[in-house]
Amino acid sequence: MARLVFDPEVAANTAAFRVNCQPTTMETNNMVVSDQFQKVPLSESQLDFSGQPYSVSVLKVGYCLPQTDGTFKADGTITLITGPKTILVDTGGPSDRDFLLMSLRDRGLEPGDINLVVGTHGHSDHIGNLGLFPTAVMIVGYDVSEEDTYRPNKLAHGHAYIIDEHISVVPSPGHTGQDVSVQVKGTSVGTVLVAGDLFECCSDEDSWRDLSMNTAVQEVSRQEALHTADIIIPGHGLPFRVLRN
């Protein structure tokens, strides 16, 4: 999260802020409805998506909460992908260190078991614990590295970085100049997209633009995601299902 712009009078009332974040498209029974898509938020009990060969689990749901003094508290979503490779997408902020280690150990994992860490963009609430994983391949924005070796890639030219036939790191710029998302195919719910701050939350239509470095570019990235993903895991809210009309 960065560059959040909001009225201090609104920030003094979290509920008012949440109303301000509601979409301009029609919303019915918590569904966000447009001419092409319906976005249906999932519940806190729906954070695990099994699959073959990969499963996806949200370890921590990100949030953004205005405070009465005009500041806000925010932290990014942390997602674990398990299968032939063990992949962590975003590591939360520095204060998440102990939580992250405990969450991994609860699943029988140590930092050295993580093969790949993806930072969807360079904000501290998403990459605050990269140092826990010195042996993993790192993808942060458009940089792909292993220790001090940087691998060539074409993310900056709009091409996906292929992990295997089921997982790709795809460029999704706009929120910053070098955002990426992780696409996981073949889960029980279809294609899952771990999207970082491409989407703040399910109902972000009136808020994401205030956070965007380039709204026109981000709109294109968002539309591409909505056309290809069945489940989207946003950077600061619960996962949501995409229904195409």
C-alpha atoms as a PDB file:
ATOM      1  CA  MET A   1       0.000   0.000   0.000  1.00  0.00           C
ATOM      2  CA  ALA A   2       1.154   3.529  -0.714  1.00  0.00           C
ATOM      3  CA  ARG A   3      -0.149   6.957  -1.597  1.00  0.00           C
ATOM      4  CA  LEU A   4      -3.489   6.419   0.106  1.00  0.00           C
ATOM      5  CA  VAL A   5      -5.542   9.598  -0.175  1.00  0.00           C
ATOM      6  CA  PHE A   6      -8.587  10.050   2.011  1.00  0.00           C
ATOM      7  CA  ASP A   7     -10.509  12.758   3.834  1.00  0.00           C
ATOM      8  CA  PRO A   8      -9.554  12.884   7.544  1.00  0.00           C
ATOM      9  CA  GLU A   9     -13.230  13.318   8.445  1.00  0.00           C
ATOM     10  CA  VAL A  10     -13.973  10.100   6.599  1.00  0.00           C
ATOM     11  CA  ALA A  11     -10.927   8.427   8.102  1.00  0.00           C
ATOM     12  CA  ALA A  12     -12.335   9.126  11.545  1.00  0.00           C
ATOM     13  CA  ASN A  13     -15.125   6.725  10.792  1.00  0.00           C
ATOM     14  CA  THR A  14     -14.114   3.311   9.488  1.00  0.00           C
ATOM     15  CA  ALA A  15     -17.648   2.453   8.455  1.00  0.00           C
ATOM     16  CA  ALA A  16     -17.851   5.644   6.421  1.00  0.00           C
ATOM     17  CA  PHE A  17     -14.590   4.769   4.721  1.00  0.00           C
ATOM     18  CA  ARG A  18     -15.917   1.359   3.820  1.00  0.00           C
ATOM     19  CA  VAL A  19     -19.009   2.919   2.272  1.00  0.00           C
ATOM     20  CA  ASN A  20     -16.676   5.174   0.289  1.00  0.00           C
ATOM     21  CA  CYS A  21     -14.901   2.054  -0.989  1.00  0.00           C
ATOM     22  CA  GLN A  22     -18.050   0.506  -2.418  1.00  0.00           C
ATOM     23  CA  PRO A  23     -18.198   0.021  -6.203  1.00  0.00           C
ATOM     24  CA  THR A  24     -19.981   2.330  -8.577  1.00  0.00           C
ATOM     25  CA  THR A  25     -21.417  -0.720 -10.283  1.00  0.00           C
ATOM     26  CA  MET A  26     -24.517  -2.322  -8.790  1.00  0.00           C
ATOM     27  CA  GLU A  27     -24.020  -4.410  -5.648  1.00  0.00           C
ATOM     28  CA  THR A  28     -26.589  -7.035  -4.671  1.00  0.00           C
ATOM     29  CA  ASN A  29     -26.310  -9.455  -1.737  1.00  0.00           C
ATOM     30  CA  ASN A  30     -22.602  -8.562  -1.398  1.00  0.00           C
ATOM     31  CA  MET A  31     -22.025  -9.313  -5.087  1.00  0.00           C
ATOM     32  CA  VAL A  32     -20.418  -6.639  -7.251  1.00  0.00           C
ATOM     33  CA  VAL A  33     -22.211  -6.736 -10.589  1.00  0.00           C
ATOM     34  CA  SER A  34     -21.194  -5.166 -13.894  1.00  0.00           C
ATOM     35  CA  ASP A  35     -22.319  -5.800 -17.454  1.00  0.00           C
ATOM     36  CA  GLN A  36     -19.600  -8.433 -17.887  1.00  0.00           C
ATOM     37  CA  PHE A  37     -18.722  -9.758 -14.430  1.00  0.00           C
ATOM     38  CA  GLN A  38     -20.027 -10.556 -11.001  1.00  0.00           C
ATOM     39  CA  LYS A  39     -17.513 -10.460  -8.145  1.00  0.00           C
ATOM     40  CA  VAL A  40     -18.666 -12.566  -5.214  1.00  0.00           C
ATOM     41  CA  PRO A  41     -16.700 -12.236  -1.947  1.00  0.00           C
ATOM     42  CA  LEU A  42     -15.802 -15.444  -0.151  1.00  0.00           C
ATOM     43  CA  SER A  43     -15.891 -15.925   3.612  1.00  0.00           C
ATOM     44  CA  GLU A  44     -13.072 -16.302   6.127  1.00  0.00           C
ATOM     45  CA  SER A  45     -13.728 -20.045   6.077  1.00  0.00           C
ATOM     46  CA  GLN A  46     -12.949 -20.170   2.341  1.00  0.00           C
ATOM     47  CA  LEU A  47      -9.220 -19.526   2.287  1.00  0.00           C
ATOM     48  CA  ASP A  48      -7.955 -22.898   1.036  1.00  0.00           C
ATOM     49  CA  PHE A  49      -8.242 -24.065  -2.559  1.00  0.00           C
ATOM     50  CA  SER A  50      -7.161 -27.645  -3.155  1.00  0.00           C
ATOM     51  CA  GLY A  51      -5.914 -28.851  -6.497  1.00  0.00           C
ATOM     52  CA  GLN A  52      -3.662 -31.112  -8.504  1.00  0.00           C
ATOM     53  CA  PRO A  53      -0.810 -30.669  -8.588  1.00  0.00           C
ATOM     54  CA  TYR A  54      -1.002 -27.330  -6.718  1.00  0.00           C
ATOM     55  CA  SER A  55      -3.113 -26.101  -3.815  1.00  0.00           C
ATOM     56  CA  VAL A  56      -3.446 -22.489  -2.692  1.00  0.00           C
ATOM     57  CA  SER A  57      -3.878 -21.289   0.908  1.00  0.00           C
ATOM     58  CA  VAL A  58      -4.273 -17.747   2.194  1.00  0.00           C
ATOM     59  CA  LEU A  59      -2.171 -17.590   5.362  1.00  0.00           C
ATOM     60  CA  LYS A  60      -3.188 -14.036   6.209  1.00  0.00           C
ATOM     61  CA  VAL A  61      -5.927 -11.827   4.792  1.00  0.00           C
ATOM     62  CA  GLY A  62      -4.636  -8.317   4.179  1.00  0.00           C
ATOM     63  CA  TYR A  63      -6.426  -5.251   5.483  1.00  0.00           C
ATOM     64  CA  CYS A  64      -6.500  -1.458   5.359  1.00  0.00           C
ATOM     65  CA  LEU A  65      -8.158   0.344   8.277  1.00  0.00           C
ATOM     66  CA  PRO A  66      -8.258   4.135   8.741  1.00  0.00           C
ATOM     67  CA  GLN A  67      -7.526   5.431  12.234  1.00  0.00           C
ATOM     68  CA  THR A  68      -9.029   8.393  14.080  1.00  0.00           C
ATOM     69  CA  ASP A  69      -5.754  10.338  13.968  1.00  0.00           C
ATOM     70  CA  GLY A  70      -5.682  10.388  10.169  1.00  0.00           C
ATOM     71  CA  THR A  71      -3.254   7.496   9.792  1.00  0.00           C
ATOM     72  CA  PHE A  72      -4.231   4.030   8.653  1.00  0.00           C
ATOM     73  CA  LYS A  73      -3.202   0.486   9.491  1.00  0.00           C
ATOM     74  CA  ALA A  74      -2.511  -1.780   6.546  1.00  0.00           C
ATOM     75  CA  ASP A  75      -0.884  -5.105   5.835  1.00  0.00           C
ATOM     76  CA  GLY A  76      -0.758  -7.262   2.739  1.00  0.00           C
ATOM     77  CA  THR A  77      -2.232 -10.689   2.110  1.00  0.00           C
ATOM     78  CA  ILE A  78       0.181 -13.636   2.463  1.00  0.00           C
ATOM     79  CA  THR A  79      -0.461 -16.694   0.271  1.00  0.00           C
ATOM     80  CA  LEU A  80       1.155 -20.134   0.165  1.00  0.00           C
ATOM     81  CA  ILE A  81       1.121 -22.383  -2.904  1.00  0.00           C
ATOM     82  CA  THR A  82       2.071 -26.021  -2.356  1.00  0.00           C
ATOM     83  CA  GLY A  83       2.745 -28.786  -4.847  1.00  0.00           C
ATOM     84  CA  PRO A  84       5.788 -29.800  -6.893  1.00  0.00           C
ATOM     85  CA  LYS A  85       7.235 -26.442  -5.837  1.00  0.00           C
ATOM     86  CA  THR A  86       6.519 -24.563  -2.618  1.00  0.00           C
ATOM     87  CA  ILE A  87       5.821 -20.913  -3.364  1.00  0.00           C
ATOM     88  CA  LEU A  88       5.142 -17.966  -1.081  1.00  0.00           C
ATOM     89  CA  VAL A  89       3.395 -14.957  -2.586  1.00  0.00           C
ATOM     90  CA  ASP A  90       4.046 -11.786  -0.575  1.00  0.00           C
ATOM     91  CA  THR A  91       5.543 -12.000   2.893  1.00  0.00           C
ATOM     92  CA  GLY A  92       3.574  -9.307   4.715  1.00  0.00           C
ATOM     93  CA  GLY A  93       5.218  -6.477   6.611  1.00  0.00           C
ATOM     94  CA  PRO A  94       8.180  -6.772   9.003  1.00  0.00           C
ATOM     95  CA  SER A  95       5.830  -7.158  11.973  1.00  0.00           C
ATOM     96  CA  ASP A  96       4.507 -10.390  10.405  1.00  0.00           C
ATOM     97  CA  ARG A  97       7.813 -12.218  10.886  1.00  0.00           C
ATOM     98  CA  ASP A  98       6.799 -14.418  13.818  1.00  0.00           C
ATOM     99  CA  PHE A  99       3.312 -15.024  12.419  1.00  0.00           C
ATOM    100  CA  LEU A 100       4.742 -16.095   9.080  1.00  0.00           C
ATOM    101  CA  LEU A 101       7.269 -18.491  10.587  1.00  0.00           C
ATOM    102  CA  MET A 102       4.605 -20.015  12.833  1.00  0.00           C
ATOM    103  CA  SER A 103       2.144 -20.372   9.944  1.00  0.00           C
ATOM    104  CA  LEU A 104       4.728 -22.201   7.874  1.00  0.00           C
ATOM    105  CA  ARG A 105       5.722 -24.480  10.754  1.00  0.00           C
ATOM    106  CA  ASP A 106       2.071 -25.303  11.380  1.00  0.00           C
ATOM    107  CA  ARG A 107       2.179 -26.766   7.869  1.00  0.00           C
ATOM    108  CA  GLY A 108       5.426 -28.623   8.450  1.00  0.00           C
ATOM    109  CA  LEU A 109       7.536 -26.092   6.566  1.00  0.00           C
ATOM    110  CA  GLU A 110      10.717 -24.214   7.399  1.00  0.00           C
ATOM    111  CA  PRO A 111      11.999 -21.188   5.456  1.00  0.00           C
ATOM    112  CA  GLY A 112      14.483 -23.412   3.631  1.00  0.00           C
ATOM    113  CA  ASP A 113      11.594 -25.443   2.208  1.00  0.00           C
ATOM    114  CA  ILE A 114      10.316 -22.470   0.195  1.00  0.00           C
ATOM    115  CA  ASN A 115      11.515 -22.770  -3.404  1.00  0.00           C
ATOM    116  CA  LEU A 116      10.188 -19.470  -4.730  1.00  0.00           C
ATOM    117  CA  VAL A 117       9.127 -16.194  -3.118  1.00  0.00           C
ATOM    118  CA  VAL A 118       7.126 -13.734  -5.202  1.00  0.00           C
ATOM    119  CA  GLY A 119       6.745 -10.126  -4.121  1.00  0.00           C
ATOM    120  CA  THR A 120       3.867  -8.762  -6.164  1.00  0.00           C
ATOM    121  CA  HIS A 121       5.345  -5.255  -5.871  1.00  0.00           C
ATOM    122  CA  GLY A 122       7.895  -3.379  -3.831  1.00  0.00           C
ATOM    123  CA  HIS A 123       5.808  -1.961  -0.980  1.00  0.00           C
ATOM    124  CA  SER A 124       6.934  -2.872   2.528  1.00  0.00           C
ATOM    125  CA  ASP A 125       3.634  -4.473   3.557  1.00  0.00           C
ATOM    126  CA  HIS A 126       4.163  -7.077   0.830  1.00  0.00           C
ATOM    127  CA  ILE A 127       7.912  -7.770   0.933  1.00  0.00           C
ATOM    128  CA  GLY A 128       8.787  -7.083   4.562  1.00  0.00           C
ATOM    129  CA  ASN A 129      10.172 -10.573   5.250  1.00  0.00           C
ATOM    130  CA  LEU A 130      12.147 -11.482   2.158  1.00  0.00           C
ATOM    131  CA  GLY A 131      15.240 -11.944   4.318  1.00  0.00           C
ATOM    132  CA  LEU A 132      13.738 -15.056   5.901  1.00  0.00           C
ATOM    133  CA  PHE A 133      14.218 -16.949   2.620  1.00  0.00           C
ATOM    134  CA  PRO A 134      17.839 -16.526   1.467  1.00  0.00           C
ATOM    135  CA  THR A 135      17.916 -19.803  -0.474  1.00  0.00           C
ATOM    136  CA  ALA A 136      14.702 -19.251  -2.437  1.00  0.00           C
ATOM    137  CA  VAL A 137      14.449 -17.896  -5.941  1.00  0.00           C
ATOM    138  CA  MET A 138      13.068 -14.363  -5.638  1.00  0.00           C
ATOM    139  CA  ILE A 139      10.710 -12.612  -8.005  1.00  0.00           C
ATOM    140  CA  VAL A 140      10.051  -9.053  -6.881  1.00  0.00           C
ATOM    141  CA  GLY A 141       8.226  -7.041  -9.476  1.00  0.00           C
ATOM    142  CA  TYR A 142      10.065  -7.673 -12.710  1.00  0.00           C
ATOM    143  CA  ASP A 143      13.332  -8.858 -11.103  1.00  0.00           C
ATOM    144  CA  VAL A 144      14.043 -12.604 -10.961  1.00  0.00           C
ATOM    145  CA  SER A 145      17.039 -13.541  -8.839  1.00  0.00           C
ATOM    146  CA  GLU A 146      18.729 -16.342  -6.945  1.00  0.00           C
ATOM    147  CA  GLU A 147      21.195 -15.037  -4.374  1.00  0.00           C
ATOM    148  CA  ASP A 148      23.267 -12.531  -6.386  1.00  0.00           C
ATOM    149  CA  THR A 149      22.381 -13.895  -9.832  1.00  0.00           C
ATOM    150  CA  TYR A 150      19.641 -12.171 -11.831  1.00  0.00           C
ATOM    151  CA  ARG A 151      17.828 -14.154 -14.494  1.00  0.00           C
ATOM    152  CA  PRO A 152      16.737 -12.680 -17.811  1.00  0.00           C
ATOM    153  CA  ASN A 153      12.999 -12.457 -18.326  1.00  0.00           C
ATOM    154  CA  LYS A 154      10.442 -10.590 -20.393  1.00  0.00           C
ATOM    155  CA  LEU A 155       8.039  -9.455 -17.672  1.00  0.00           C
ATOM    156  CA  ALA A 156       8.776  -5.815 -18.513  1.00  0.00           C
ATOM    157  CA  HIS A 157       7.715  -6.551 -22.095  1.00  0.00           C
ATOM    158  CA  GLY A 158       4.369  -7.988 -21.054  1.00  0.00           C
ATOM    159  CA  HIS A 159       5.296 -11.673 -21.159  1.00  0.00           C
ATOM    160  CA  ALA A 160       4.616 -14.147 -18.360  1.00  0.00           C
ATOM    161  CA  TYR A 161       7.456 -15.837 -16.489  1.00  0.00           C
ATOM    162  CA  ILE A 162       6.564 -19.524 -16.644  1.00  0.00           C
ATOM    163  CA  ILE A 163       7.264 -21.622 -13.550  1.00  0.00           C
ATOM    164  CA  ASP A 164       5.717 -24.774 -14.995  1.00  0.00           C
ATOM    165  CA  GLU A 165       2.619 -25.730 -16.950  1.00  0.00           C
ATOM    166  CA  HIS A 166       0.374 -24.869 -14.004  1.00  0.00           C
ATOM    167  CA  ILE A 167       1.948 -21.712 -12.554  1.00  0.00           C
ATOM    168  CA  SER A 168       2.925 -18.458 -14.215  1.00  0.00           C
ATOM    169  CA  VAL A 169       4.020 -15.087 -12.898  1.00  0.00           C
ATOM    170  CA  VAL A 170       2.210 -12.525 -15.031  1.00  0.00           C
ATOM    171  CA  PRO A 171       2.844  -8.779 -15.320  1.00  0.00           C
ATOM    172  CA  SER A 172      -0.074  -6.760 -13.934  1.00  0.00           C
ATOM    173  CA  PRO A 173       1.193  -3.174 -13.716  1.00  0.00           C
ATOM    174  CA  GLY A 174      -0.651  -0.054 -12.688  1.00  0.00           C
ATOM    175  CA  HIS A 175      -0.648   0.076  -8.900  1.00  0.00           C
ATOM    176  CA  THR A 176       3.104   0.502  -9.353  1.00  0.00           C
ATOM    177  CA  GLY A 177       5.183   0.298 -12.492  1.00  0.00           C
ATOM    178  CA  GLN A 178       6.245  -3.319 -11.938  1.00  0.00           C
ATOM    179  CA  ASP A 179       3.402  -5.302 -10.373  1.00  0.00           C
ATOM    180  CA  VAL A 180       3.077  -9.030 -10.938  1.00  0.00           C
ATOM    181  CA  SER A 181       0.410 -11.592 -10.108  1.00  0.00           C
ATOM    182  CA  VAL A 182       0.696 -15.363  -9.764  1.00  0.00           C
ATOM    183  CA  GLN A 183      -1.669 -17.498 -11.834  1.00  0.00           C
ATOM    184  CA  VAL A 184      -2.376 -21.040 -10.631  1.00  0.00           C
ATOM    185  CA  LYS A 185      -4.261 -23.348 -12.992  1.00  0.00           C
ATOM    186  CA  GLY A 186      -5.949 -26.639 -12.193  1.00  0.00           C
ATOM    187  CA  THR A 187      -7.324 -26.056  -8.708  1.00  0.00           C
ATOM    188  CA  SER A 188     -10.701 -27.363  -7.563  1.00  0.00           C
ATOM    189  CA  VAL A 189     -12.136 -23.881  -8.158  1.00  0.00           C
ATOM    190  CA  GLY A 190     -10.466 -23.307 -11.510  1.00  0.00           C
ATOM    191  CA  THR A 191      -7.780 -20.702 -12.094  1.00  0.00           C
ATOM    192  CA  VAL A 192      -6.665 -18.781  -9.002  1.00  0.00           C
ATOM    193  CA  LEU A 193      -4.923 -15.423  -9.388  1.00  0.00           C
ATOM    194  CA  VAL A 194      -2.893 -14.116  -6.441  1.00  0.00           C
ATOM    195  CA  ALA A 195      -3.121 -10.496  -7.479  1.00  0.00           C
ATOM    196  CA  GLY A 196      -1.367  -8.303  -4.930  1.00  0.00           C
ATOM    197  CA  ASP A 197      -2.719  -4.761  -5.064  1.00  0.00           C
ATOM    198  CA  LEU A 198      -4.056  -5.087  -8.589  1.00  0.00           C
ATOM    199  CA  PHE A 199      -7.244  -5.467  -6.544  1.00  0.00           C
ATOM    200  CA  GLU A 200      -7.411  -3.987  -3.055  1.00  0.00           C
ATOM    201  CA  CYS A 201     -10.487  -6.062  -2.216  1.00  0.00           C
ATOM    202  CA  CYS A 202     -13.670  -7.287  -3.878  1.00  0.00           C
ATOM    203  CA  SER A 203     -15.434  -3.929  -3.497  1.00  0.00           C
ATOM    204  CA  ASP A 204     -12.662  -1.526  -4.424  1.00  0.00           C
ATOM    205  CA  GLU A 205     -14.124   0.312  -7.411  1.00  0.00           C
ATOM    206  CA  ASP A 206     -13.980   3.724  -5.721  1.00  0.00           C
ATOM    207  CA  SER A 207     -10.668   3.218  -3.921  1.00  0.00           C
ATOM    208  CA  TRP A 208      -8.117   1.534  -6.165  1.00  0.00           C
ATOM    209  CA  ARG A 209      -7.645   4.595  -8.366  1.00  0.00           C
ATOM    210  CA  ASP A 210      -6.467   6.673  -5.392  1.00  0.00           C
ATOM    211  CA  LEU A 211      -3.696   4.121  -4.865  1.00  0.00           C
ATOM    212  CA  SER A 212      -2.719   3.680  -8.506  1.00  0.00           C
ATOM    213  CA  MET A 213       0.422   4.988 -10.158  1.00  0.00           C
ATOM    214  CA  ASN A 214      -1.222   4.610 -13.576  1.00  0.00           C
ATOM    215  CA  THR A 215      -4.983   4.093 -13.589  1.00  0.00           C
ATOM    216  CA  ALA A 216      -5.266   3.476 -17.332  1.00  0.00           C
ATOM    217  CA  VAL A 217      -2.647   0.731 -17.239  1.00  0.00           C
ATOM    218  CA  GLN A 218      -4.116  -0.790 -14.088  1.00  0.00           C
ATOM    219  CA  GLU A 219      -7.603  -0.857 -15.598  1.00  0.00           C
ATOM    220  CA  VAL A 220      -6.255  -2.944 -18.481  1.00  0.00           C
ATOM    221  CA  SER A 221      -4.536  -5.293 -16.021  1.00  0.00           C
ATOM    222  CA  ARG A 222      -7.721  -5.612 -13.964  1.00  0.00           C
ATOM    223  CA  GLN A 223      -9.839  -6.422 -16.988  1.00  0.00           C
ATOM    224  CA  GLU A 224      -7.393  -9.086 -18.114  1.00  0.00           C
ATOM    225  CA  ALA A 225      -7.525 -10.649 -14.652  1.00  0.00           C
ATOM    226  CA  LEU A 226     -11.317 -10.635 -14.625  1.00  0.00           C
ATOM    227  CA  HIS A 227     -11.364 -12.333 -18.023  1.00  0.00           C
ATOM    228  CA  THR A 228      -9.006 -15.150 -17.002  1.00  0.00           C
ATOM    229  CA  ALA A 229      -9.345 -15.895 -13.266  1.00  0.00           C
ATOM    230  CA  ASP A 230     -12.072 -17.810 -11.451  1.00  0.00           C
ATOM    231  CA  ILE A 231     -10.841 -16.794  -7.983  1.00  0.00           C
ATOM    232  CA  ILE A 232      -8.879 -13.617  -7.252  1.00  0.00           C
ATOM    233  CA  ILE A 233      -6.899 -13.166  -4.039  1.00  0.00           C
ATOM    234  CA  PRO A 234      -6.539  -9.392  -3.544  1.00  0.00           C
ATOM    235  CA  GLY A 235      -3.918  -7.525  -1.573  1.00  0.00           C
ATOM    236  CA  HIS A 236      -6.110  -6.192   1.229  1.00  0.00           C
ATOM    237  CA  GLY A 237      -9.254  -8.272   1.561  1.00  0.00           C
ATOM    238  CA  LEU A 238     -10.875 -11.671   1.297  1.00  0.00           C
ATOM    239  CA  PRO A 239     -10.668 -13.720  -1.904  1.00  0.00           C
ATOM    240  CA  PHE A 240     -13.538 -13.361  -4.335  1.00  0.00           C
ATOM    241  CA  ARG A 241     -15.066 -15.426  -7.096  1.00  0.00           C
ATOM    242  CA  VAL A 242     -15.417 -14.050 -10.631  1.00  0.00           C
ATOM    243  CA  LEU A 243     -18.562 -14.991 -12.528  1.00  0.00           C
ATOM    244  CA  ARG A 244     -18.555 -14.005 -16.180  1.00  0.00           C
ATOM    245  CA  ASN A 245     -21.911 -13.058 -17.699  1.00  0.00           C
END
